[in-house]
Amino acid sequence: MTTDQQWDIVTSVGITALAVAAARALEAHREDRLVHDPYAAAFVEAARPEAPMPTTPQEVDELAEQYSSIWNQLEMDQYMGVRSRYFDDFFAAASEAGIEQVVILASGLDTRAYRLAWPAGAVVYEIDQPKVLEFKQTVLEEQGATASCEPRAIPIDLREDWQSALLEAGFDSSAPTAWLAEGLLPYLSAAAQQRLLETVERLSATGSRLAVEDFSDLSKMLQDEEMVELGKQWGIDMRDLLHADDRRSAAEVVGGFGWTTEVREAEEVAEGYGRSLDSFPMKGVGRFLAAEKGI
């Protein structure tokens, strides 16, 4: 992926953000749902992707024969439900600790600024491609979405000088911050990941927290035939978008900065929520990092 490549919500990385929204919409239909995103289905409907992206169990069943039950077999809503709830809980804990400044890196169609309860005075910065943020804001306005925080969109590519853009938008590097990198690191090279985490460290005051979705072996996922086939349905090749190069884990990098780290395997987190990820291709691959910057 070249540094000058841009995308909207139905191309390149944008289409994967839309698929995640579809999975969150499916999660909302479960009786034991872990999260409820009231805007997820609206994103899919507004985007009108050429590829099938079911947002209800009925739509999944209707697509089963035509697409070899890939959506059923991958159980994307299972993993996304677990992942979303884990990071929801991360923000809830950060808010309880008094952190009022939040930065969501490559926010995509994340709606936490609108669906979570935030403390008075909280500011949530969302960084992503201009067209992606514009699409999201349009849909949210059409849905009449309101936020208990102050959302601030930062329309810039993370491969550009997003640090300056964030500071210009009012970010206070002297205040503790809750950072999130969800569904982001696989799209970065090892060098880009290192630069990103170094920037987070540089901008973080004592008491800041960081949550990251990390992976132990992306090559395993990229070799999964069902994942490859699903990507083709979306008009993309996941092997061209994701990086499976050797790299230090996010925990190793952040730990090297002196942050306290806790890493939990996705399966372990799922079990804690009463879920199983036995059928998901990321079994044994996905993991979640929570870190805190001490004195």
Protein backbone atom coordinates (compact mmCIF):
# COMPACT_ATOMS: atom_id res chain seq x y z
CA MET A 1 0.00 0.00 0.00
CA THR A 2 1.52 3.31 -1.06
CA THR A 3 1.58 6.32 1.24
CA ASP A 4 -0.52 8.40 -1.16
CA GLN A 5 -3.31 5.83 -1.44
CA GLN A 6 -6.63 7.03 -0.07
CA TRP A 7 -9.86 5.10 0.33
CA ASP A 8 -13.52 5.55 1.10
CA ILE A 9 -15.84 3.23 2.98
CA VAL A 10 -16.35 0.74 0.12
CA THR A 11 -12.75 0.36 -1.06
CA SER A 12 -9.50 -1.02 0.32
CA VAL A 13 -9.30 -0.84 4.13
CA GLY A 14 -12.61 1.04 4.19
CA ILE A 15 -14.56 -2.05 3.17
CA THR A 16 -13.09 -3.99 6.10
CA ALA A 17 -14.36 -1.30 8.49
CA LEU A 18 -17.79 -1.72 6.93
CA ALA A 19 -17.60 -5.49 7.43
CA VAL A 20 -16.77 -4.97 11.09
CA ALA A 21 -19.86 -2.77 11.40
CA ALA A 22 -21.93 -5.56 9.83
CA ALA A 23 -20.55 -7.99 12.40
CA ARG A 24 -21.46 -5.61 15.23
CA ALA A 25 -24.96 -5.37 13.79
CA LEU A 26 -25.22 -9.16 13.89
CA GLU A 27 -23.97 -9.20 17.48
CA ALA A 28 -26.81 -6.88 18.47
CA HIS A 29 -29.33 -9.58 17.49
CA ARG A 30 -27.95 -12.13 19.95
CA GLU A 31 -29.88 -12.70 23.17
CA ASP A 32 -26.53 -12.80 24.99
CA ARG A 33 -25.11 -9.82 23.13
CA LEU A 34 -21.97 -8.28 24.56
CA VAL A 35 -22.39 -4.90 22.84
CA HIS A 36 -25.16 -3.01 21.15
CA ASP A 37 -24.29 -0.62 18.35
CA PRO A 38 -27.54 1.00 17.21
CA TYR A 39 -25.83 2.59 14.20
CA ALA A 40 -23.94 -0.38 12.74
CA ALA A 41 -26.66 -1.60 10.39
CA ALA A 42 -27.29 1.97 9.20
CA PHE A 43 -23.68 2.22 8.02
CA VAL A 44 -24.03 -0.89 5.87
CA GLU A 45 -27.37 0.23 4.46
CA ALA A 46 -26.03 3.70 3.61
CA ALA A 47 -22.85 2.38 1.96
CA ARG A 48 -24.70 -0.11 -0.25
CA PRO A 49 -21.63 -2.32 -0.80
CA GLU A 50 -21.61 -4.58 -3.83
CA ALA A 51 -20.43 -7.47 -1.67
CA PRO A 52 -23.01 -9.10 0.61
CA MET A 53 -22.76 -7.90 4.20
CA PRO A 54 -25.60 -9.32 6.27
CA THR A 55 -26.69 -7.39 9.35
CA THR A 56 -29.36 -9.81 10.60
CA PRO A 57 -29.38 -13.58 11.20
CA GLN A 58 -32.03 -13.90 8.52
CA GLU A 59 -29.75 -12.29 5.95
CA VAL A 60 -26.93 -14.64 6.95
CA ASP A 61 -29.19 -17.63 6.34
CA GLU A 62 -30.31 -16.26 2.98
CA LEU A 63 -26.70 -15.95 1.86
CA ALA A 64 -25.64 -19.36 3.17
CA GLU A 65 -26.12 -21.37 -0.01
CA GLN A 66 -24.81 -18.72 -2.40
CA TYR A 67 -21.66 -18.07 -0.44
CA SER A 68 -21.00 -21.49 1.07
CA SER A 69 -21.99 -20.37 4.55
CA ILE A 70 -18.77 -18.39 4.93
CA TRP A 71 -20.37 -15.84 7.23
CA ASN A 72 -21.73 -18.65 9.40
CA GLN A 73 -18.45 -20.53 9.50
CA LEU A 74 -16.30 -17.53 10.31
CA GLU A 75 -18.62 -16.41 13.10
CA MET A 76 -17.33 -12.87 12.68
CA ASP A 77 -19.93 -11.52 15.07
CA GLN A 78 -18.57 -13.80 17.81
CA TYR A 79 -15.07 -12.36 17.64
CA MET A 80 -16.18 -8.78 17.04
CA GLY A 81 -18.56 -8.98 19.96
CA VAL A 82 -15.77 -10.13 22.26
CA ARG A 83 -13.28 -7.60 20.88
CA SER A 84 -15.71 -4.69 21.10
CA ARG A 85 -16.75 -5.54 24.65
CA TYR A 86 -13.15 -5.87 25.82
CA PHE A 87 -12.29 -2.39 24.58
CA ASP A 88 -15.60 -0.98 25.87
CA ASP A 89 -14.58 -2.25 29.30
CA PHE A 90 -11.14 -0.72 28.85
CA PHE A 91 -12.67 2.72 28.32
CA ALA A 92 -15.06 2.27 31.22
CA ALA A 93 -12.12 1.51 33.53
CA ALA A 94 -10.15 4.47 32.16
CA SER A 95 -13.11 6.79 32.78
CA GLU A 96 -13.48 5.48 36.33
CA ALA A 97 -9.79 6.27 36.84
CA GLY A 98 -10.47 9.88 35.90
CA ILE A 99 -9.12 9.90 32.34
CA GLU A 100 -11.13 12.34 30.24
CA GLN A 101 -9.06 12.42 27.03
CA VAL A 102 -9.42 9.60 24.51
CA VAL A 103 -7.75 8.95 21.15
CA ILE A 104 -9.02 6.25 18.79
CA LEU A 105 -6.43 5.50 16.11
CA ALA A 106 -7.84 4.48 12.72
CA SER A 107 -11.31 4.81 14.19
CA GLY A 108 -13.17 3.64 11.09
CA LEU A 109 -16.86 3.24 11.93
CA ASP A 110 -16.28 3.10 15.68
CA THR A 111 -19.28 4.64 17.48
CA ARG A 112 -18.07 4.56 21.07
CA ALA A 113 -18.23 8.36 21.25
CA TYR A 114 -22.00 7.98 20.76
CA ARG A 115 -22.92 4.68 22.36
CA LEU A 116 -20.86 4.73 25.57
CA ALA A 117 -21.45 6.81 28.69
CA TRP A 118 -18.62 9.29 29.21
CA PRO A 119 -17.78 11.47 32.20
CA ALA A 120 -18.49 15.17 32.03
CA GLY A 121 -15.78 16.98 30.10
CA ALA A 122 -14.59 13.92 28.17
CA VAL A 123 -13.15 14.53 24.69
CA VAL A 124 -12.86 11.71 22.16
CA TYR A 125 -10.49 12.24 19.21
CA GLU A 126 -11.06 10.00 16.19
CA ILE A 127 -8.28 9.73 13.60
CA ASP A 128 -8.90 8.22 10.17
CA GLN A 129 -9.13 8.84 6.45
CA PRO A 130 -11.13 11.99 5.54
CA LYS A 131 -13.70 10.15 3.39
CA VAL A 132 -14.28 7.50 6.06
CA LEU A 133 -14.91 10.07 8.79
CA GLU A 134 -17.12 12.13 6.48
CA PHE A 135 -19.26 9.10 5.68
CA LYS A 136 -19.57 8.16 9.34
CA GLN A 137 -20.57 11.65 10.40
CA THR A 138 -23.20 11.87 7.67
CA VAL A 139 -24.84 8.62 8.76
CA LEU A 140 -24.70 9.50 12.45
CA GLU A 141 -26.37 12.84 11.78
CA GLU A 142 -29.07 11.11 9.74
CA GLN A 143 -29.64 8.74 12.66
CA GLY A 144 -29.89 11.61 15.11
CA ALA A 145 -26.95 10.32 17.13
CA THR A 146 -25.90 12.28 20.21
CA ALA A 147 -22.80 11.95 22.34
CA SER A 148 -22.19 12.38 26.08
CA CYS A 149 -18.62 13.41 25.25
CA GLU A 150 -17.15 15.95 22.82
CA PRO A 151 -16.21 14.06 19.63
CA ARG A 152 -13.41 15.61 17.59
CA ALA A 153 -12.69 14.14 14.15
CA ILE A 154 -9.09 14.28 12.90
CA PRO A 155 -9.30 13.58 9.13
CA ILE A 156 -5.77 12.46 8.36
CA ASP A 157 -3.93 9.33 7.27
CA LEU A 158 -1.89 7.78 10.08
CA ARG A 159 1.02 7.57 7.64
CA GLU A 160 1.10 11.38 7.62
CA ASP A 161 1.87 13.86 10.42
CA TRP A 162 -1.13 12.94 12.56
CA GLN A 163 0.67 14.05 15.71
CA SER A 164 0.60 17.71 14.63
CA ALA A 165 -3.02 17.40 13.49
CA LEU A 166 -3.99 15.97 16.87
CA LEU A 167 -2.24 18.75 18.79
CA GLU A 168 -3.81 21.40 16.57
CA ALA A 169 -7.23 19.95 17.37
CA GLY A 170 -6.67 20.66 21.07
CA PHE A 171 -5.05 17.46 22.34
CA ASP A 172 -3.30 18.05 25.68
CA SER A 173 -0.13 15.97 25.99
CA SER A 174 0.15 16.90 29.67
CA ALA A 175 -3.12 15.14 30.53
CA PRO A 176 -3.54 11.35 30.86
CA THR A 177 -4.97 9.78 27.73
CA ALA A 178 -6.76 6.52 26.93
CA TRP A 179 -5.52 5.31 23.54
CA LEU A 180 -7.03 2.58 21.36
CA ALA A 181 -5.54 0.74 18.38
CA GLU A 182 -8.25 -1.74 17.39
CA GLY A 183 -7.99 -3.59 14.09
CA LEU A 184 -5.05 -1.41 13.08
CA LEU A 185 -1.63 -3.00 13.55
CA PRO A 186 -1.97 -5.69 10.83
CA TYR A 187 -2.28 -2.93 8.24
CA LEU A 188 1.05 -1.45 9.32
CA SER A 189 4.53 -2.67 8.52
CA ALA A 190 6.81 -3.49 11.44
CA ALA A 191 8.55 -0.14 11.04
CA ALA A 192 5.26 1.78 10.86
CA GLN A 193 3.98 -0.02 13.96
CA GLN A 194 7.13 0.96 15.83
CA ARG A 195 6.75 4.61 14.80
CA LEU A 196 3.10 4.65 15.82
CA LEU A 197 3.79 3.29 19.29
CA GLU A 198 6.74 5.64 19.74
CA THR A 199 4.45 8.57 18.93
CA VAL A 200 1.87 7.35 21.45
CA GLU A 201 4.62 7.13 24.06
CA ARG A 202 5.86 10.61 23.25
CA LEU A 203 2.37 12.14 23.56
CA SER A 204 1.37 10.26 26.71
CA ALA A 205 1.46 11.80 30.15
CA THR A 206 1.92 9.70 33.27
CA GLY A 207 -1.22 7.70 33.97
CA SER A 208 -2.09 7.26 30.31
CA ARG A 209 -3.46 3.91 29.16
CA LEU A 210 -3.26 2.04 25.88
CA ALA A 211 -5.36 -0.82 24.52
CA VAL A 212 -4.24 -2.73 21.43
CA GLU A 213 -5.52 -5.61 19.35
CA ASP A 214 -2.37 -7.55 18.54
CA PHE A 215 -1.65 -10.79 16.71
CA SER A 216 0.88 -13.55 17.27
CA ASP A 217 0.91 -15.03 13.74
CA LEU A 218 -0.94 -13.19 11.00
CA SER A 219 0.33 -15.58 8.35
CA LYS A 220 -2.01 -18.20 9.81
CA MET A 221 -5.02 -16.00 9.11
CA LEU A 222 -3.79 -15.03 5.66
CA GLN A 223 -3.52 -18.70 4.73
CA ASP A 224 -7.09 -19.42 5.79
CA GLU A 225 -9.05 -20.18 2.62
CA GLU A 226 -12.33 -18.86 4.03
CA MET A 227 -10.79 -15.51 4.95
CA VAL A 228 -9.21 -15.23 1.51
CA GLU A 229 -12.51 -16.06 -0.17
CA LEU A 230 -14.41 -13.54 1.95
CA GLY A 231 -11.90 -10.86 0.95
CA LYS A 232 -12.47 -11.67 -2.70
CA GLN A 233 -16.20 -11.17 -2.19
CA TRP A 234 -15.38 -7.69 -0.90
CA GLY A 235 -13.22 -7.01 -3.95
CA ILE A 236 -9.93 -7.06 -2.03
CA ASP A 237 -7.07 -9.43 -1.38
CA MET A 238 -6.38 -9.46 2.36
CA ARG A 239 -2.85 -10.63 1.62
CA ASP A 240 -2.18 -7.33 -0.14
CA LEU A 241 -3.54 -5.25 2.75
CA LEU A 242 -2.14 -7.01 5.80
CA HIS A 243 1.49 -7.31 6.87
CA ALA A 244 2.76 -10.63 8.17
CA ASP A 245 6.37 -9.52 8.53
CA ASP A 246 8.39 -10.38 11.62
CA ARG A 247 7.95 -7.81 14.34
CA ARG A 248 8.11 -7.30 18.06
CA SER A 249 4.77 -7.58 19.76
CA ALA A 250 3.08 -4.39 20.85
CA ALA A 251 3.55 -5.50 24.46
CA GLU A 252 7.31 -5.84 23.95
CA VAL A 253 7.55 -2.40 22.39
CA VAL A 254 5.41 -0.63 24.98
CA GLY A 255 6.98 -2.58 27.81
CA GLY A 256 10.33 -1.34 26.56
CA PHE A 257 9.08 2.20 27.18
CA GLY A 258 8.51 1.28 30.82
CA TRP A 259 4.74 0.84 30.61
CA THR A 260 3.04 -1.85 32.69
CA THR A 261 1.46 -4.37 30.33
CA GLU A 262 -1.12 -7.13 30.47
CA VAL A 263 -1.73 -9.43 27.50
CA ARG A 264 -4.72 -11.75 27.25
CA GLU A 265 -5.46 -14.23 24.50
CA ALA A 266 -8.75 -13.63 22.68
CA GLU A 267 -9.97 -17.10 23.63
CA GLU A 268 -9.41 -16.38 27.30
CA VAL A 269 -11.29 -13.09 27.07
CA ALA A 270 -14.12 -14.80 25.20
CA GLU A 271 -14.46 -17.47 27.88
CA GLY A 272 -14.74 -14.74 30.49
CA TYR A 273 -17.71 -13.37 28.58
CA GLY A 274 -19.26 -16.82 28.18
CA ARG A 275 -18.25 -17.16 24.53
CA SER A 276 -16.19 -19.59 22.45
CA LEU A 277 -13.98 -18.76 19.46
CA ASP A 278 -13.38 -22.36 18.41
CA SER A 279 -14.66 -21.75 14.86
CA PHE A 280 -12.88 -18.46 14.21
CA PRO A 281 -9.78 -18.45 11.96
CA MET A 282 -7.97 -16.21 14.46
CA LYS A 283 -8.05 -18.97 17.08
CA GLY A 284 -4.65 -18.94 18.72
CA VAL A 285 -3.73 -15.72 16.89
CA GLY A 286 -5.61 -12.75 18.34
CA ARG A 287 -4.67 -11.19 21.66
CA PHE A 288 -5.45 -8.00 23.53
CA LEU A 289 -3.00 -5.69 25.25
CA ALA A 290 -3.81 -3.24 28.03
CA ALA A 291 -0.95 -1.02 29.17
CA GLU A 292 -0.44 1.89 31.56
CA LYS A 293 2.29 4.47 31.75
CA GLY A 294 3.67 4.88 35.25
CA ILE A 295 6.01 7.41 36.75
